[in-house]
Amino acid sequence: MGSHFKEVFGSVLSTIGTIESAIGSTPFKNMSEKVSFNLRLQGNVLQATGNGLSADGQGNIFSLEYIGDLVQATGNSTVIIGLLIKFKNQIDQKLIISGNWLQALGSFVGLTDEFEDSTPSGRSYNIIGGFLQGIGNSMQALSGVYQLEDENDVDARFLGVLGSWIQAVGSVLSLIGQIKEETQEIQLGIDE
């Protein structure tokens, strides 16, 4: 599998997973808790896989984009553990919060690499998309922190849902940027 394909396919998986997680986080009247849980779980699995593929497709393992992708994949994996394993003393919730913080950090680290990228095509999409993903993940983490104090806090839950959708919009923008960037890299015969 070529590196350009890995980066684009990884972005596709991440985008699908982010949207799936956002749907699962949204309190629809007719959606059962089981369906909501499965959407959030599957969404994070797709995001972790996509971020891992994107990292594997990087031409430079010392780039900030590579490190950002790995940190995001680690964050998604941490959320998955928090969803699957029920610990005492809210440890599972704290793992989900930590995973969201890691995803935010990975987004911000990865987007800084775009300022130095030698291919301008898609740069704006990648910067704005990465920024929105980082903001969205931060909102989800804050929502979790507030819900640790009061799990019935409606405003905190809304903050998390809003953050999920902001992350999803950022992911779509990043996908568009990644396709543009990889297309230009193929035309120029470079691999970043």
N, C-alpha and C. Protein backbone atom coordinates (compact mmCIF):
# COMPACT_ATOMS: atom_id res chain seq x y z
N MET A 1 0.85 -1.17 0.00
CA MET A 1 0.00 0.00 0.00
C MET A 1 0.90 1.24 0.00
N GLY A 2 0.73 2.12 -1.00
CA GLY A 2 1.56 3.31 -1.10
C GLY A 2 1.29 4.31 0.00
N SER A 3 2.30 5.13 0.28
CA SER A 3 2.18 6.08 1.39
C SER A 3 1.09 7.12 1.15
N HIS A 4 0.94 7.57 -0.10
CA HIS A 4 -0.11 8.55 -0.39
C HIS A 4 -1.49 7.95 -0.14
N PHE A 5 -1.65 6.70 -0.60
CA PHE A 5 -2.93 6.01 -0.39
C PHE A 5 -3.20 5.82 1.10
N LYS A 6 -2.16 5.44 1.86
CA LYS A 6 -2.33 5.24 3.31
C LYS A 6 -2.82 6.52 3.99
N GLU A 7 -2.22 7.65 3.62
CA GLU A 7 -2.61 8.91 4.25
C GLU A 7 -4.05 9.29 3.92
N VAL A 8 -4.43 9.13 2.65
CA VAL A 8 -5.80 9.48 2.25
C VAL A 8 -6.80 8.48 2.84
N PHE A 9 -6.52 7.19 2.73
CA PHE A 9 -7.43 6.18 3.27
C PHE A 9 -7.55 6.32 4.79
N GLY A 10 -6.43 6.61 5.44
CA GLY A 10 -6.46 6.85 6.88
C GLY A 10 -7.35 8.03 7.24
N SER A 11 -7.26 9.10 6.44
CA SER A 11 -8.11 10.27 6.67
C SER A 11 -9.59 9.95 6.44
N VAL A 12 -9.86 9.12 5.43
CA VAL A 12 -11.25 8.71 5.17
C VAL A 12 -11.80 7.95 6.38
N LEU A 13 -11.02 6.98 6.88
CA LEU A 13 -11.46 6.20 8.05
C LEU A 13 -11.67 7.10 9.26
N SER A 14 -10.73 8.01 9.49
CA SER A 14 -10.85 8.93 10.63
C SER A 14 -12.10 9.79 10.52
N THR A 15 -12.37 10.27 9.31
CA THR A 15 -13.55 11.12 9.10
C THR A 15 -14.84 10.34 9.34
N ILE A 16 -14.92 9.14 8.78
CA ILE A 16 -16.11 8.30 9.01
C ILE A 16 -16.27 8.03 10.51
N GLY A 17 -15.17 7.70 11.17
CA GLY A 17 -15.23 7.41 12.60
C GLY A 17 -15.63 8.61 13.43
N THR A 18 -15.14 9.78 13.05
CA THR A 18 -15.47 11.00 13.79
C THR A 18 -16.96 11.32 13.66
N ILE A 19 -17.49 11.18 12.45
CA ILE A 19 -18.92 11.43 12.23
C ILE A 19 -19.75 10.39 12.98
N GLU A 20 -19.33 9.13 12.91
CA GLU A 20 -20.05 8.06 13.62
C GLU A 20 -20.07 8.33 15.13
N SER A 21 -18.94 8.74 15.68
CA SER A 21 -18.87 9.06 17.12
C SER A 21 -19.77 10.25 17.47
N ALA A 22 -19.80 11.25 16.58
CA ALA A 22 -20.65 12.42 16.83
C ALA A 22 -22.12 12.03 16.84
N ILE A 23 -22.51 11.17 15.91
CA ILE A 23 -23.90 10.69 15.89
C ILE A 23 -24.20 9.94 17.19
N GLY A 24 -23.28 9.08 17.61
CA GLY A 24 -23.47 8.33 18.85
C GLY A 24 -23.50 9.20 20.09
N SER A 25 -22.86 10.35 20.04
CA SER A 25 -22.83 11.27 21.19
C SER A 25 -24.07 12.15 21.26
N THR A 26 -24.80 12.23 20.16
CA THR A 26 -25.98 13.09 20.09
C THR A 26 -27.19 12.37 20.68
N PRO A 27 -27.87 12.99 21.63
CA PRO A 27 -29.01 12.32 22.29
C PRO A 27 -30.29 12.36 21.44
N PHE A 28 -30.37 11.46 20.47
CA PHE A 28 -31.59 11.34 19.67
C PHE A 28 -32.64 10.58 20.48
N LYS A 29 -33.90 10.98 20.35
CA LYS A 29 -34.98 10.37 21.14
C LYS A 29 -35.12 8.87 20.87
N ASN A 30 -34.99 8.46 19.62
CA ASN A 30 -35.24 7.06 19.27
C ASN A 30 -33.98 6.21 19.26
N MET A 31 -32.86 6.75 19.70
CA MET A 31 -31.61 5.98 19.71
C MET A 31 -31.41 5.37 21.10
N SER A 32 -31.27 4.05 21.12
CA SER A 32 -31.06 3.37 22.40
C SER A 32 -29.64 3.64 22.91
N GLU A 33 -29.43 3.41 24.19
CA GLU A 33 -28.11 3.58 24.79
C GLU A 33 -27.11 2.61 24.16
N LYS A 34 -27.58 1.42 23.82
CA LYS A 34 -26.70 0.41 23.20
C LYS A 34 -26.22 0.88 21.82
N VAL A 35 -27.13 1.41 21.02
CA VAL A 35 -26.76 1.92 19.70
C VAL A 35 -25.79 3.09 19.84
N SER A 36 -26.09 3.99 20.76
CA SER A 36 -25.22 5.14 21.01
C SER A 36 -23.82 4.68 21.40
N PHE A 37 -23.74 3.72 22.32
CA PHE A 37 -22.46 3.18 22.77
C PHE A 37 -21.69 2.57 21.60
N ASN A 38 -22.38 1.74 20.81
CA ASN A 38 -21.72 1.07 19.68
C ASN A 38 -21.21 2.06 18.64
N LEU A 39 -21.97 3.11 18.38
CA LEU A 39 -21.52 4.14 17.43
C LEU A 39 -20.26 4.84 17.94
N ARG A 40 -20.25 5.17 19.23
CA ARG A 40 -19.07 5.83 19.81
C ARG A 40 -17.86 4.89 19.81
N LEU A 41 -18.09 3.62 20.13
CA LEU A 41 -17.00 2.64 20.14
C LEU A 41 -16.45 2.42 18.74
N GLN A 42 -17.33 2.09 17.79
CA GLN A 42 -16.89 1.85 16.41
C GLN A 42 -16.24 3.09 15.82
N GLY A 43 -16.79 4.26 16.14
CA GLY A 43 -16.21 5.51 15.64
C GLY A 43 -14.79 5.71 16.12
N ASN A 44 -14.54 5.43 17.39
CA ASN A 44 -13.18 5.57 17.91
C ASN A 44 -12.23 4.51 17.36
N VAL A 45 -12.75 3.31 17.10
CA VAL A 45 -11.91 2.28 16.47
C VAL A 45 -11.50 2.72 15.06
N LEU A 46 -12.46 3.26 14.30
CA LEU A 46 -12.14 3.76 12.96
C LEU A 46 -11.15 4.92 13.02
N GLN A 47 -11.34 5.81 13.99
CA GLN A 47 -10.41 6.94 14.12
C GLN A 47 -9.01 6.47 14.47
N ALA A 48 -8.91 5.53 15.41
CA ALA A 48 -7.59 5.02 15.81
C ALA A 48 -6.90 4.35 14.63
N THR A 49 -7.66 3.55 13.88
CA THR A 49 -7.11 2.87 12.71
C THR A 49 -6.68 3.88 11.65
N GLY A 50 -7.55 4.86 11.40
CA GLY A 50 -7.24 5.88 10.41
C GLY A 50 -6.03 6.71 10.77
N ASN A 51 -5.94 7.11 12.04
CA ASN A 51 -4.77 7.89 12.47
C ASN A 51 -3.50 7.06 12.40
N GLY A 52 -3.61 5.78 12.73
CA GLY A 52 -2.45 4.89 12.61
C GLY A 52 -1.99 4.74 11.17
N LEU A 53 -2.94 4.57 10.25
CA LEU A 53 -2.60 4.47 8.83
C LEU A 53 -1.98 5.77 8.32
N SER A 54 -2.55 6.89 8.73
CA SER A 54 -2.00 8.18 8.31
C SER A 54 -0.56 8.34 8.81
N ALA A 55 -0.31 7.93 10.04
CA ALA A 55 1.06 8.00 10.58
C ALA A 55 1.99 7.09 9.78
N ASP A 56 1.52 5.89 9.47
CA ASP A 56 2.34 4.93 8.73
C ASP A 56 2.65 5.43 7.31
N GLY A 57 1.78 6.27 6.77
CA GLY A 57 2.00 6.80 5.43
C GLY A 57 2.92 8.00 5.38
N GLN A 58 3.35 8.51 6.51
CA GLN A 58 4.23 9.69 6.54
C GLN A 58 5.61 9.34 5.98
N GLY A 59 6.14 10.23 5.17
CA GLY A 59 7.47 10.02 4.62
C GLY A 59 8.58 10.29 5.61
N ASN A 60 8.28 11.00 6.68
CA ASN A 60 9.29 11.37 7.68
C ASN A 60 8.75 11.05 9.07
N ILE A 61 9.34 10.05 9.72
CA ILE A 61 8.84 9.66 11.04
C ILE A 61 9.23 10.65 12.14
N PHE A 62 10.01 11.66 11.79
CA PHE A 62 10.38 12.68 12.76
C PHE A 62 9.55 13.95 12.57
N SER A 63 8.57 13.91 11.66
CA SER A 63 7.75 15.10 11.42
C SER A 63 6.70 15.26 12.51
N LEU A 64 6.27 16.49 12.70
CA LEU A 64 5.22 16.77 13.67
C LEU A 64 3.89 16.14 13.25
N GLU A 65 3.69 16.00 11.94
CA GLU A 65 2.46 15.36 11.46
C GLU A 65 2.42 13.89 11.88
N TYR A 66 3.55 13.21 11.77
CA TYR A 66 3.66 11.81 12.19
C TYR A 66 3.39 11.69 13.69
N ILE A 67 4.05 12.52 14.47
CA ILE A 67 3.88 12.49 15.93
C ILE A 67 2.42 12.80 16.29
N GLY A 68 1.84 13.81 15.63
CA GLY A 68 0.44 14.16 15.90
C GLY A 68 -0.52 13.02 15.60
N ASP A 69 -0.29 12.33 14.47
CA ASP A 69 -1.14 11.18 14.13
C ASP A 69 -1.03 10.08 15.18
N LEU A 70 0.19 9.81 15.64
CA LEU A 70 0.38 8.78 16.67
C LEU A 70 -0.28 9.16 17.99
N VAL A 71 -0.16 10.42 18.38
CA VAL A 71 -0.78 10.88 19.63
C VAL A 71 -2.30 10.78 19.52
N GLN A 72 -2.85 11.14 18.36
CA GLN A 72 -4.30 11.02 18.17
C GLN A 72 -4.74 9.56 18.25
N ALA A 73 -3.99 8.66 17.60
CA ALA A 73 -4.33 7.23 17.64
C ALA A 73 -4.27 6.71 19.07
N THR A 74 -3.29 7.18 19.83
CA THR A 74 -3.18 6.80 21.25
C THR A 74 -4.39 7.32 22.03
N GLY A 75 -4.80 8.54 21.73
CA GLY A 75 -5.98 9.11 22.38
C GLY A 75 -7.24 8.30 22.09
N ASN A 76 -7.43 7.93 20.81
CA ASN A 76 -8.58 7.11 20.46
C ASN A 76 -8.54 5.76 21.16
N SER A 77 -7.36 5.17 21.24
CA SER A 77 -7.21 3.88 21.92
C SER A 77 -7.53 4.00 23.40
N THR A 78 -7.15 5.11 24.00
CA THR A 78 -7.45 5.36 25.41
C THR A 78 -8.95 5.49 25.63
N VAL A 79 -9.63 6.18 24.71
CA VAL A 79 -11.09 6.30 24.80
C VAL A 79 -11.73 4.91 24.68
N ILE A 80 -11.23 4.09 23.76
CA ILE A 80 -11.76 2.73 23.57
C ILE A 80 -11.65 1.93 24.87
N ILE A 81 -10.50 2.00 25.52
CA ILE A 81 -10.32 1.29 26.80
C ILE A 81 -11.33 1.80 27.83
N GLY A 82 -11.50 3.12 27.90
CA GLY A 82 -12.46 3.70 28.84
C GLY A 82 -13.90 3.28 28.56
N LEU A 83 -14.22 3.08 27.28
CA LEU A 83 -15.57 2.63 26.92
C LEU A 83 -15.79 1.16 27.25
N LEU A 84 -14.77 0.34 27.02
CA LEU A 84 -14.93 -1.11 27.13
C LEU A 84 -14.77 -1.66 28.54
N ILE A 85 -13.91 -1.06 29.34
CA ILE A 85 -13.62 -1.62 30.66
C ILE A 85 -14.24 -0.73 31.73
N LYS A 86 -15.07 -1.32 32.56
CA LYS A 86 -15.72 -0.57 33.63
C LYS A 86 -14.88 -0.67 34.90
N PHE A 87 -14.25 0.43 35.25
CA PHE A 87 -13.42 0.51 36.45
C PHE A 87 -14.21 1.17 37.58
N LYS A 88 -13.70 1.03 38.79
CA LYS A 88 -14.29 1.72 39.94
C LYS A 88 -13.75 3.15 40.01
N ASN A 89 -14.42 3.97 40.79
CA ASN A 89 -13.98 5.35 41.06
C ASN A 89 -13.87 6.20 39.80
N GLN A 90 -14.74 5.98 38.84
CA GLN A 90 -14.82 6.78 37.62
C GLN A 90 -13.55 6.72 36.77
N ILE A 91 -12.74 5.69 36.95
CA ILE A 91 -11.51 5.57 36.16
C ILE A 91 -11.83 5.48 34.67
N ASP A 92 -12.91 4.77 34.31
CA ASP A 92 -13.28 4.65 32.90
C ASP A 92 -13.58 6.03 32.31
N GLN A 93 -14.31 6.87 33.05
CA GLN A 93 -14.60 8.22 32.59
C GLN A 93 -13.33 9.05 32.47
N LYS A 94 -12.43 8.88 33.42
CA LYS A 94 -11.16 9.62 33.38
C LYS A 94 -10.30 9.19 32.20
N LEU A 95 -10.37 7.91 31.82
CA LEU A 95 -9.66 7.44 30.64
C LEU A 95 -10.22 8.09 29.38
N ILE A 96 -11.55 8.18 29.29
CA ILE A 96 -12.17 8.83 28.13
C ILE A 96 -11.76 10.30 28.07
N ILE A 97 -11.74 10.97 29.20
CA ILE A 97 -11.32 12.38 29.25
C ILE A 97 -9.86 12.51 28.80
N SER A 98 -9.00 11.65 29.33
CA SER A 98 -7.57 11.68 28.94
C SER A 98 -7.40 11.41 27.46
N GLY A 99 -8.18 10.46 26.93
CA GLY A 99 -8.12 10.16 25.50
C GLY A 99 -8.52 11.34 24.65
N ASN A 100 -9.55 12.07 25.08
CA ASN A 100 -9.95 13.26 24.34
C ASN A 100 -8.89 14.35 24.40
N TRP A 101 -8.23 14.52 25.57
CA TRP A 101 -7.13 15.48 25.66
C TRP A 101 -5.99 15.08 24.74
N LEU A 102 -5.67 13.78 24.69
CA LEU A 102 -4.60 13.31 23.80
C LEU A 102 -4.95 13.56 22.33
N GLN A 103 -6.19 13.32 21.97
CA GLN A 103 -6.60 13.59 20.59
C GLN A 103 -6.45 15.07 20.26
N ALA A 104 -6.83 15.93 21.21
CA ALA A 104 -6.69 17.38 20.99
C ALA A 104 -5.22 17.75 20.81
N LEU A 105 -4.37 17.23 21.69
CA LEU A 105 -2.94 17.50 21.59
C LEU A 105 -2.39 17.03 20.24
N GLY A 106 -2.77 15.83 19.83
CA GLY A 106 -2.31 15.30 18.55
C GLY A 106 -2.75 16.16 17.38
N SER A 107 -3.98 16.67 17.44
CA SER A 107 -4.47 17.55 16.37
C SER A 107 -3.64 18.83 16.29
N PHE A 108 -3.37 19.44 17.44
CA PHE A 108 -2.61 20.68 17.45
C PHE A 108 -1.16 20.46 17.02
N VAL A 109 -0.56 19.36 17.45
CA VAL A 109 0.82 19.05 17.04
C VAL A 109 0.86 18.82 15.53
N GLY A 110 -0.07 18.03 15.02
CA GLY A 110 -0.10 17.72 13.60
C GLY A 110 -0.32 18.93 12.71
N LEU A 111 -1.17 19.84 13.15
CA LEU A 111 -1.45 21.00 12.30
C LEU A 111 -0.26 21.93 12.21
N THR A 112 0.61 21.96 13.22
CA THR A 112 1.78 22.84 13.15
C THR A 112 2.72 22.44 12.02
N ASP A 113 2.72 21.16 11.66
CA ASP A 113 3.55 20.67 10.57
C ASP A 113 3.11 21.27 9.23
N GLU A 114 1.84 21.59 9.12
CA GLU A 114 1.31 22.12 7.86
C GLU A 114 1.91 23.47 7.50
N PHE A 115 2.35 24.24 8.48
CA PHE A 115 2.94 25.55 8.20
C PHE A 115 4.28 25.41 7.47
N GLU A 116 4.93 24.26 7.63
CA GLU A 116 6.24 24.02 7.01
C GLU A 116 6.15 23.11 5.78
N ASP A 117 4.95 22.66 5.44
CA ASP A 117 4.77 21.72 4.34
C ASP A 117 5.17 22.37 3.02
N SER A 118 5.87 21.62 2.18
CA SER A 118 6.36 22.17 0.91
C SER A 118 5.28 22.20 -0.17
N THR A 119 4.14 21.57 0.08
CA THR A 119 3.04 21.59 -0.89
C THR A 119 1.91 22.46 -0.36
N PRO A 120 1.65 23.59 -1.04
CA PRO A 120 0.61 24.50 -0.53
C PRO A 120 -0.82 24.01 -0.74
N SER A 121 -1.03 23.08 -1.67
CA SER A 121 -2.38 22.61 -1.95
C SER A 121 -2.96 21.89 -0.74
N GLY A 122 -4.11 22.35 -0.29
CA GLY A 122 -4.77 21.73 0.85
C GLY A 122 -4.32 22.25 2.21
N ARG A 123 -3.30 23.09 2.23
CA ARG A 123 -2.73 23.57 3.50
C ARG A 123 -3.79 24.24 4.39
N SER A 124 -4.55 25.17 3.82
CA SER A 124 -5.56 25.89 4.62
C SER A 124 -6.60 24.93 5.19
N TYR A 125 -7.03 23.98 4.38
CA TYR A 125 -8.00 22.99 4.87
C TYR A 125 -7.41 22.18 6.03
N ASN A 126 -6.16 21.77 5.88
CA ASN A 126 -5.52 20.97 6.93
C ASN A 126 -5.33 21.76 8.22
N ILE A 127 -4.95 23.02 8.10
CA ILE A 127 -4.74 23.86 9.29
C ILE A 127 -6.07 24.12 10.00
N ILE A 128 -7.06 24.56 9.26
CA ILE A 128 -8.37 24.84 9.87
C ILE A 128 -9.00 23.56 10.40
N GLY A 129 -8.90 22.48 9.62
CA GLY A 129 -9.46 21.19 10.05
C GLY A 129 -8.80 20.68 11.32
N GLY A 130 -7.48 20.74 11.38
CA GLY A 130 -6.77 20.29 12.58
C GLY A 130 -7.10 21.15 13.79
N PHE A 131 -7.23 22.45 13.56
CA PHE A 131 -7.59 23.36 14.65
C PHE A 131 -8.98 23.04 15.19
N LEU A 132 -9.94 22.85 14.29
CA LEU A 132 -11.31 22.52 14.72
C LEU A 132 -11.36 21.17 15.45
N GLN A 133 -10.59 20.20 14.97
CA GLN A 133 -10.56 18.91 15.66
C GLN A 133 -10.01 19.07 17.08
N GLY A 134 -8.95 19.84 17.21
CA GLY A 134 -8.37 20.07 18.53
C GLY A 134 -9.33 20.78 19.47
N ILE A 135 -10.04 21.78 18.95
CA ILE A 135 -11.04 22.50 19.75
C ILE A 135 -12.17 21.55 20.14
N GLY A 136 -12.66 20.78 19.17
CA GLY A 136 -13.75 19.85 19.45
C GLY A 136 -13.38 18.81 20.50
N ASN A 137 -12.18 18.24 20.37
CA ASN A 137 -11.74 17.26 21.37
C ASN A 137 -11.57 17.90 22.75
N SER A 138 -11.09 19.13 22.78
CA SER A 138 -10.95 19.84 24.06
C SER A 138 -12.31 20.06 24.71
N MET A 139 -13.30 20.40 23.91
CA MET A 139 -14.65 20.59 24.43
C MET A 139 -15.21 19.27 24.99
N GLN A 140 -14.93 18.16 24.29
CA GLN A 140 -15.38 16.86 24.78
C GLN A 140 -14.71 16.51 26.11
N ALA A 141 -13.42 16.81 26.20
CA ALA A 141 -12.69 16.52 27.45
C ALA A 141 -13.25 17.37 28.60
N LEU A 142 -13.47 18.66 28.35
CA LEU A 142 -14.04 19.53 29.38
C LEU A 142 -15.43 19.06 29.80
N SER A 143 -16.21 18.63 28.83
CA SER A 143 -17.53 18.09 29.13
C SER A 143 -17.42 16.91 30.09
N GLY A 144 -16.46 16.03 29.83
CA GLY A 144 -16.25 14.89 30.72
C GLY A 144 -15.84 15.30 32.11
N VAL A 145 -14.98 16.31 32.21
CA VAL A 145 -14.54 16.81 33.52
C VAL A 145 -15.75 17.34 34.30
N TYR A 146 -16.59 18.13 33.62
CA TYR A 146 -17.77 18.68 34.29
C TYR A 146 -18.75 17.58 34.70
N GLN A 147 -18.87 16.54 33.85
CA GLN A 147 -19.80 15.45 34.17
C GLN A 147 -19.28 14.56 35.30
N LEU A 148 -17.97 14.58 35.56
CA LEU A 148 -17.46 13.86 36.73
C LEU A 148 -18.03 14.46 38.02
N GLU A 149 -18.19 15.78 38.00
CA GLU A 149 -18.73 16.48 39.17
C GLU A 149 -20.24 16.32 39.27
N ASP A 150 -20.92 16.34 38.12
CA ASP A 150 -22.38 16.19 38.10
C ASP A 150 -22.77 15.51 36.79
N GLU A 151 -23.02 14.21 36.85
CA GLU A 151 -23.30 13.45 35.62
C GLU A 151 -24.62 13.84 34.96
N ASN A 152 -25.46 14.58 35.64
CA ASN A 152 -26.73 15.03 35.07
C ASN A 152 -26.66 16.46 34.55
N ASP A 153 -25.47 17.03 34.46
CA ASP A 153 -25.27 18.40 33.99
C ASP A 153 -25.59 18.48 32.49
N VAL A 154 -26.75 19.05 32.16
CA VAL A 154 -27.21 19.13 30.78
C VAL A 154 -26.28 20.01 29.95
N ASP A 155 -25.80 21.10 30.52
CA ASP A 155 -24.90 22.00 29.79
C ASP A 155 -23.59 21.30 29.46
N ALA A 156 -23.08 20.51 30.38
CA ALA A 156 -21.84 19.78 30.14
C ALA A 156 -22.03 18.76 29.02
N ARG A 157 -23.16 18.09 29.02
CA ARG A 157 -23.44 17.11 27.96
C ARG A 157 -23.53 17.81 26.61
N PHE A 158 -24.21 18.97 26.58
CA PHE A 158 -24.32 19.74 25.34
C PHE A 158 -22.94 20.16 24.84
N LEU A 159 -22.07 20.56 25.76
CA LEU A 159 -20.70 20.94 25.39
C LEU A 159 -20.00 19.77 24.70
N GLY A 160 -20.18 18.56 25.20
CA GLY A 160 -19.57 17.38 24.60
C GLY A 160 -20.13 17.07 23.23
N VAL A 161 -21.45 17.19 23.07
CA VAL A 161 -22.08 16.93 21.77
C VAL A 161 -21.60 17.96 20.76
N LEU A 162 -21.59 19.22 21.16
CA LEU A 162 -21.12 20.29 20.27
C LEU A 162 -19.66 20.05 19.88
N GLY A 163 -18.84 19.66 20.85
CA GLY A 163 -17.44 19.35 20.57
C GLY A 163 -17.29 18.20 19.59
N SER A 164 -18.14 17.19 19.71
CA SER A 164 -18.09 16.05 18.78
C SER A 164 -18.35 16.49 17.35
N TRP A 165 -19.34 17.37 17.18
CA TRP A 165 -19.67 17.82 15.83
C TRP A 165 -18.63 18.81 15.29
N ILE A 166 -18.04 19.62 16.15
CA ILE A 166 -16.95 20.51 15.70
C ILE A 166 -15.77 19.66 15.25
N GLN A 167 -15.46 18.61 16.00
CA GLN A 167 -14.40 17.69 15.60
C GLN A 167 -14.73 17.05 14.25
N ALA A 168 -16.00 16.67 14.05
CA ALA A 168 -16.40 16.03 12.79
C ALA A 168 -16.23 16.98 11.60
N VAL A 169 -16.63 18.23 11.77
CA VAL A 169 -16.46 19.23 10.70
C VAL A 169 -14.97 19.40 10.40
N GLY A 170 -14.16 19.49 11.44
CA GLY A 170 -12.71 19.60 11.25
C GLY A 170 -12.14 18.40 10.53
N SER A 171 -12.65 17.23 10.83
CA SER A 171 -12.17 16.01 10.19
C SER A 171 -12.50 16.01 8.69
N VAL A 172 -13.69 16.48 8.34
CA VAL A 172 -14.07 16.57 6.92
C VAL A 172 -13.15 17.56 6.20
N LEU A 173 -12.89 18.72 6.81
CA LEU A 173 -11.99 19.70 6.20
C LEU A 173 -10.58 19.12 6.04
N SER A 174 -10.12 18.39 7.05
CA SER A 174 -8.79 17.77 6.97
C SER A 174 -8.74 16.72 5.86
N LEU A 175 -9.82 15.99 5.67
CA LEU A 175 -9.87 15.00 4.58
C LEU A 175 -9.74 15.69 3.23
N ILE A 176 -10.47 16.77 3.04
CA ILE A 176 -10.37 17.53 1.78
C ILE A 176 -8.94 18.02 1.59
N GLY A 177 -8.36 18.58 2.64
CA GLY A 177 -6.98 19.06 2.57
C GLY A 177 -5.99 17.95 2.28
N GLN A 178 -6.19 16.78 2.89
CA GLN A 178 -5.28 15.66 2.69
C GLN A 178 -5.33 15.18 1.24
N ILE A 179 -6.53 15.10 0.67
CA ILE A 179 -6.66 14.69 -0.73
C ILE A 179 -5.94 15.68 -1.63
N LYS A 180 -6.14 16.98 -1.39
CA LYS A 180 -5.46 18.00 -2.20
C LYS A 180 -3.94 17.90 -2.05
N GLU A 181 -3.48 17.75 -0.81
CA GLU A 181 -2.04 17.68 -0.55
C GLU A 181 -1.41 16.46 -1.22
N GLU A 182 -2.03 15.30 -1.05
CA GLU A 182 -1.46 14.07 -1.62
C GLU A 182 -1.49 14.10 -3.14
N THR A 183 -2.54 14.69 -3.72
CA THR A 183 -2.61 14.81 -5.18
C THR A 183 -1.45 15.66 -5.70
N GLN A 184 -1.17 16.77 -5.02
CA GLN A 184 -0.06 17.62 -5.45
C GLN A 184 1.28 16.92 -5.25
N GLU A 185 1.44 16.20 -4.14
CA GLU A 185 2.69 15.47 -3.91
C GLU A 185 2.92 14.42 -5.00
N ILE A 186 1.88 13.73 -5.42
CA ILE A 186 2.01 12.74 -6.50
C ILE A 186 2.44 13.43 -7.79
N GLN A 187 1.82 14.57 -8.10
CA GLN A 187 2.17 15.32 -9.31
C GLN A 187 3.62 15.79 -9.29
N LEU A 188 4.11 16.16 -8.09
CA LEU A 188 5.48 16.66 -7.96
C LEU A 188 6.49 15.54 -7.71
N GLY A 189 6.00 14.33 -7.48
CA GLY A 189 6.89 13.20 -7.24
C GLY A 189 7.60 13.24 -5.90
N ILE A 190 6.92 13.79 -4.87
CA ILE A 190 7.53 13.85 -3.54
C ILE A 190 6.68 13.06 -2.55
N ASP A 191 7.28 12.73 -1.41
CA ASP A 191 6.59 11.96 -0.37
C ASP A 191 6.90 12.57 0.98
N GLU A 192 5.91 13.30 1.54
CA GLU A 192 6.11 13.94 2.85
C GLU A 192 5.17 13.34 3.86
